[in-house]
Amino acid sequence: MEKIVVVNLKSLVEKHGISMKELSRLADIEPAILSKLVNNKRQSIYFDHIARIADALDVKDIREIIDIKETEFAELDTHG
């Protein structure tokens, strides 16, 4: 099994009753970056972004923002 990092922004904004657009404004993070994080399309996340999201949503535990999950299938290498 492979482990992946998951960003829980979708559930966080629902929990706090705000939109992704509002989170973008509150955290001062580009909407496109948040969209890529929500859809697991980014390979990295900056600590600064995590801190801004935590501050905007008054999150005290980083595990509310990111999580590590196991997946049965590794990504297929399409470059070879």
N, C-alpha and C. Protein backbone atom coordinates (compact mmCIF):
# COMPACT_ATOMS: atom_id res chain seq x y z
N MET A 1 0.83 -1.18 0.00
CA MET A 1 0.00 0.00 0.00
C MET A 1 0.87 1.24 0.00
N GLU A 2 0.35 2.27 -0.62
CA GLU A 2 1.06 3.54 -0.73
C GLU A 2 0.36 4.57 0.14
N LYS A 3 1.12 5.44 0.76
CA LYS A 3 0.54 6.51 1.56
C LYS A 3 0.49 7.79 0.74
N ILE A 4 -0.61 8.53 0.91
CA ILE A 4 -0.75 9.82 0.23
C ILE A 4 -1.17 10.87 1.26
N VAL A 5 -0.79 12.10 1.01
CA VAL A 5 -1.19 13.22 1.85
C VAL A 5 -2.46 13.82 1.23
N VAL A 6 -3.47 13.99 2.07
CA VAL A 6 -4.75 14.53 1.62
C VAL A 6 -4.98 15.86 2.34
N VAL A 7 -5.39 16.88 1.58
CA VAL A 7 -5.71 18.18 2.15
C VAL A 7 -7.22 18.25 2.31
N ASN A 8 -7.68 18.47 3.53
CA ASN A 8 -9.10 18.40 3.87
C ASN A 8 -9.84 19.73 3.75
N LEU A 9 -9.54 20.52 2.75
CA LEU A 9 -10.13 21.85 2.67
C LEU A 9 -11.64 21.81 2.41
N LYS A 10 -12.07 20.88 1.60
CA LYS A 10 -13.49 20.83 1.27
C LYS A 10 -14.34 20.64 2.53
N SER A 11 -13.96 19.69 3.36
CA SER A 11 -14.72 19.45 4.58
C SER A 11 -14.56 20.61 5.57
N LEU A 12 -13.41 21.25 5.59
CA LEU A 12 -13.20 22.38 6.49
C LEU A 12 -14.07 23.57 6.15
N VAL A 13 -14.15 23.90 4.86
CA VAL A 13 -14.99 25.06 4.50
C VAL A 13 -16.46 24.75 4.75
N GLU A 14 -16.87 23.50 4.51
CA GLU A 14 -18.25 23.11 4.82
C GLU A 14 -18.51 23.23 6.32
N LYS A 15 -17.58 22.76 7.12
CA LYS A 15 -17.70 22.82 8.59
C LYS A 15 -17.83 24.26 9.07
N HIS A 16 -17.10 25.18 8.44
CA HIS A 16 -17.10 26.57 8.85
C HIS A 16 -18.13 27.41 8.11
N GLY A 17 -18.86 26.78 7.19
CA GLY A 17 -19.93 27.48 6.48
C GLY A 17 -19.47 28.61 5.58
N ILE A 18 -18.30 28.42 4.96
CA ILE A 18 -17.80 29.43 4.02
C ILE A 18 -17.48 28.76 2.69
N SER A 19 -17.26 29.58 1.70
CA SER A 19 -16.91 29.07 0.37
C SER A 19 -15.39 29.03 0.22
N MET A 20 -14.94 28.33 -0.82
CA MET A 20 -13.51 28.31 -1.12
C MET A 20 -13.03 29.72 -1.47
N LYS A 21 -13.90 30.47 -2.13
CA LYS A 21 -13.56 31.85 -2.49
C LYS A 21 -13.33 32.69 -1.23
N GLU A 22 -14.18 32.49 -0.22
CA GLU A 22 -14.02 33.21 1.03
C GLU A 22 -12.75 32.77 1.75
N LEU A 23 -12.46 31.48 1.75
CA LEU A 23 -11.21 31.00 2.35
C LEU A 23 -10.01 31.62 1.64
N SER A 24 -10.09 31.70 0.33
CA SER A 24 -9.02 32.32 -0.45
C SER A 24 -8.78 33.75 0.02
N ARG A 25 -9.85 34.48 0.22
CA ARG A 25 -9.75 35.87 0.68
C ARG A 25 -9.19 35.94 2.10
N LEU A 26 -9.75 35.13 3.00
CA LEU A 26 -9.34 35.16 4.41
C LEU A 26 -7.88 34.73 4.60
N ALA A 27 -7.46 33.73 3.84
CA ALA A 27 -6.10 33.19 3.98
C ALA A 27 -5.09 33.86 3.06
N ASP A 28 -5.59 34.71 2.16
CA ASP A 28 -4.73 35.38 1.18
C ASP A 28 -3.92 34.37 0.37
N ILE A 29 -4.65 33.38 -0.16
CA ILE A 29 -4.06 32.35 -1.02
C ILE A 29 -4.86 32.34 -2.32
N GLU A 30 -4.16 32.31 -3.44
CA GLU A 30 -4.81 32.30 -4.74
C GLU A 30 -5.86 31.19 -4.84
N PRO A 31 -7.04 31.49 -5.39
CA PRO A 31 -8.08 30.46 -5.55
C PRO A 31 -7.60 29.25 -6.34
N ALA A 32 -6.75 29.46 -7.34
CA ALA A 32 -6.24 28.35 -8.15
C ALA A 32 -5.40 27.39 -7.30
N ILE A 33 -4.65 27.93 -6.36
CA ILE A 33 -3.83 27.08 -5.49
C ILE A 33 -4.74 26.24 -4.59
N LEU A 34 -5.75 26.88 -3.99
CA LEU A 34 -6.68 26.14 -3.15
C LEU A 34 -7.41 25.06 -3.94
N SER A 35 -7.79 25.38 -5.17
CA SER A 35 -8.47 24.41 -6.02
C SER A 35 -7.59 23.19 -6.27
N LYS A 36 -6.33 23.42 -6.56
CA LYS A 36 -5.40 22.31 -6.79
C LYS A 36 -5.20 21.48 -5.52
N LEU A 37 -5.17 22.15 -4.37
CA LEU A 37 -5.04 21.42 -3.11
C LEU A 37 -6.26 20.56 -2.84
N VAL A 38 -7.44 21.12 -3.07
CA VAL A 38 -8.69 20.38 -2.84
C VAL A 38 -8.76 19.15 -3.74
N ASN A 39 -8.31 19.29 -4.96
CA ASN A 39 -8.40 18.20 -5.94
C ASN A 39 -7.15 17.33 -5.97
N ASN A 40 -6.27 17.49 -4.99
CA ASN A 40 -5.02 16.73 -4.91
C ASN A 40 -4.22 16.77 -6.21
N LYS A 41 -4.16 17.96 -6.80
CA LYS A 41 -3.41 18.15 -8.04
C LYS A 41 -2.04 18.78 -7.82
N ARG A 42 -1.73 19.10 -6.56
CA ARG A 42 -0.41 19.66 -6.23
C ARG A 42 0.43 18.60 -5.58
N GLN A 43 1.72 18.63 -5.84
CA GLN A 43 2.65 17.68 -5.26
C GLN A 43 3.24 18.20 -3.95
N SER A 44 3.01 19.48 -3.65
CA SER A 44 3.56 20.05 -2.43
C SER A 44 2.60 21.08 -1.85
N ILE A 45 2.79 21.36 -0.58
CA ILE A 45 2.04 22.42 0.09
C ILE A 45 3.04 23.15 0.98
N TYR A 46 2.96 24.46 0.98
CA TYR A 46 3.87 25.27 1.78
C TYR A 46 3.37 25.36 3.22
N PHE A 47 4.31 25.33 4.16
CA PHE A 47 3.96 25.51 5.56
C PHE A 47 3.23 26.83 5.77
N ASP A 48 3.64 27.85 5.04
CA ASP A 48 3.00 29.16 5.12
C ASP A 48 1.51 29.07 4.76
N HIS A 49 1.19 28.28 3.74
CA HIS A 49 -0.22 28.11 3.35
C HIS A 49 -1.00 27.40 4.45
N ILE A 50 -0.40 26.38 5.04
CA ILE A 50 -1.06 25.67 6.14
C ILE A 50 -1.32 26.64 7.29
N ALA A 51 -0.33 27.46 7.61
CA ALA A 51 -0.47 28.42 8.70
C ALA A 51 -1.56 29.45 8.40
N ARG A 52 -1.61 29.92 7.17
CA ARG A 52 -2.64 30.90 6.80
C ARG A 52 -4.04 30.30 6.86
N ILE A 53 -4.17 29.06 6.39
CA ILE A 53 -5.46 28.37 6.44
C ILE A 53 -5.87 28.16 7.90
N ALA A 54 -4.93 27.73 8.72
CA ALA A 54 -5.21 27.52 10.15
C ALA A 54 -5.65 28.82 10.80
N ASP A 55 -4.97 29.90 10.49
CA ASP A 55 -5.32 31.19 11.06
C ASP A 55 -6.70 31.64 10.60
N ALA A 56 -6.98 31.50 9.30
CA ALA A 56 -8.26 31.94 8.74
C ALA A 56 -9.44 31.17 9.33
N LEU A 57 -9.23 29.89 9.63
CA LEU A 57 -10.32 29.04 10.12
C LEU A 57 -10.22 28.76 11.63
N ASP A 58 -9.25 29.39 12.28
CA ASP A 58 -9.02 29.20 13.71
C ASP A 58 -8.83 27.71 14.04
N VAL A 59 -8.02 27.04 13.23
CA VAL A 59 -7.71 25.63 13.41
C VAL A 59 -6.49 25.51 14.32
N LYS A 60 -6.58 24.68 15.33
CA LYS A 60 -5.49 24.50 16.29
C LYS A 60 -4.67 23.23 16.03
N ASP A 61 -5.26 22.27 15.32
CA ASP A 61 -4.63 20.98 15.09
C ASP A 61 -4.41 20.78 13.59
N ILE A 62 -3.16 20.66 13.19
CA ILE A 62 -2.82 20.53 11.76
C ILE A 62 -3.52 19.34 11.09
N ARG A 63 -3.87 18.33 11.90
CA ARG A 63 -4.53 17.15 11.34
C ARG A 63 -5.91 17.45 10.80
N GLU A 64 -6.48 18.61 11.16
CA GLU A 64 -7.75 19.02 10.57
C GLU A 64 -7.55 19.47 9.13
N ILE A 65 -6.35 19.92 8.82
CA ILE A 65 -6.05 20.44 7.48
C ILE A 65 -5.47 19.37 6.57
N ILE A 66 -4.49 18.63 7.07
CA ILE A 66 -3.88 17.58 6.24
C ILE A 66 -3.98 16.24 6.95
N ASP A 67 -3.99 15.19 6.16
CA ASP A 67 -4.11 13.84 6.68
C ASP A 67 -3.28 12.91 5.79
N ILE A 68 -2.88 11.79 6.33
CA ILE A 68 -2.18 10.77 5.55
C ILE A 68 -3.09 9.56 5.45
N LYS A 69 -3.33 9.14 4.21
CA LYS A 69 -4.19 7.99 3.98
C LYS A 69 -3.46 6.95 3.16
N GLU A 70 -3.91 5.73 3.28
CA GLU A 70 -3.34 4.65 2.48
C GLU A 70 -4.21 4.38 1.27
N THR A 71 -3.56 4.05 0.18
CA THR A 71 -4.25 3.71 -1.04
C THR A 71 -3.69 2.39 -1.54
N GLU A 72 -4.52 1.59 -2.15
CA GLU A 72 -4.07 0.28 -2.64
C GLU A 72 -3.28 0.38 -3.93
N PHE A 73 -3.58 1.40 -4.71
CA PHE A 73 -2.99 1.49 -6.04
C PHE A 73 -2.00 2.64 -6.14
N ALA A 74 -0.81 2.32 -6.62
CA ALA A 74 0.18 3.35 -6.89
C ALA A 74 -0.19 4.01 -8.21
N GLU A 75 0.20 5.28 -8.37
CA GLU A 75 -0.05 5.98 -9.63
C GLU A 75 0.74 5.30 -10.74
N LEU A 76 0.12 5.20 -11.88
CA LEU A 76 0.81 4.63 -13.04
C LEU A 76 1.78 5.64 -13.61
N ASP A 77 2.95 5.19 -13.99
CA ASP A 77 3.93 6.07 -14.60
C ASP A 77 3.60 6.19 -16.08
N THR A 78 3.16 7.39 -16.49
CA THR A 78 2.77 7.59 -17.89
C THR A 78 3.88 8.23 -18.70
N HIS A 79 5.06 8.37 -18.10
CA HIS A 79 6.16 9.02 -18.81
C HIS A 79 7.07 8.04 -19.54
N GLY A 80 6.85 6.76 -19.37
CA GLY A 80 7.80 5.82 -19.91
C GLY A 80 7.24 5.03 -21.00
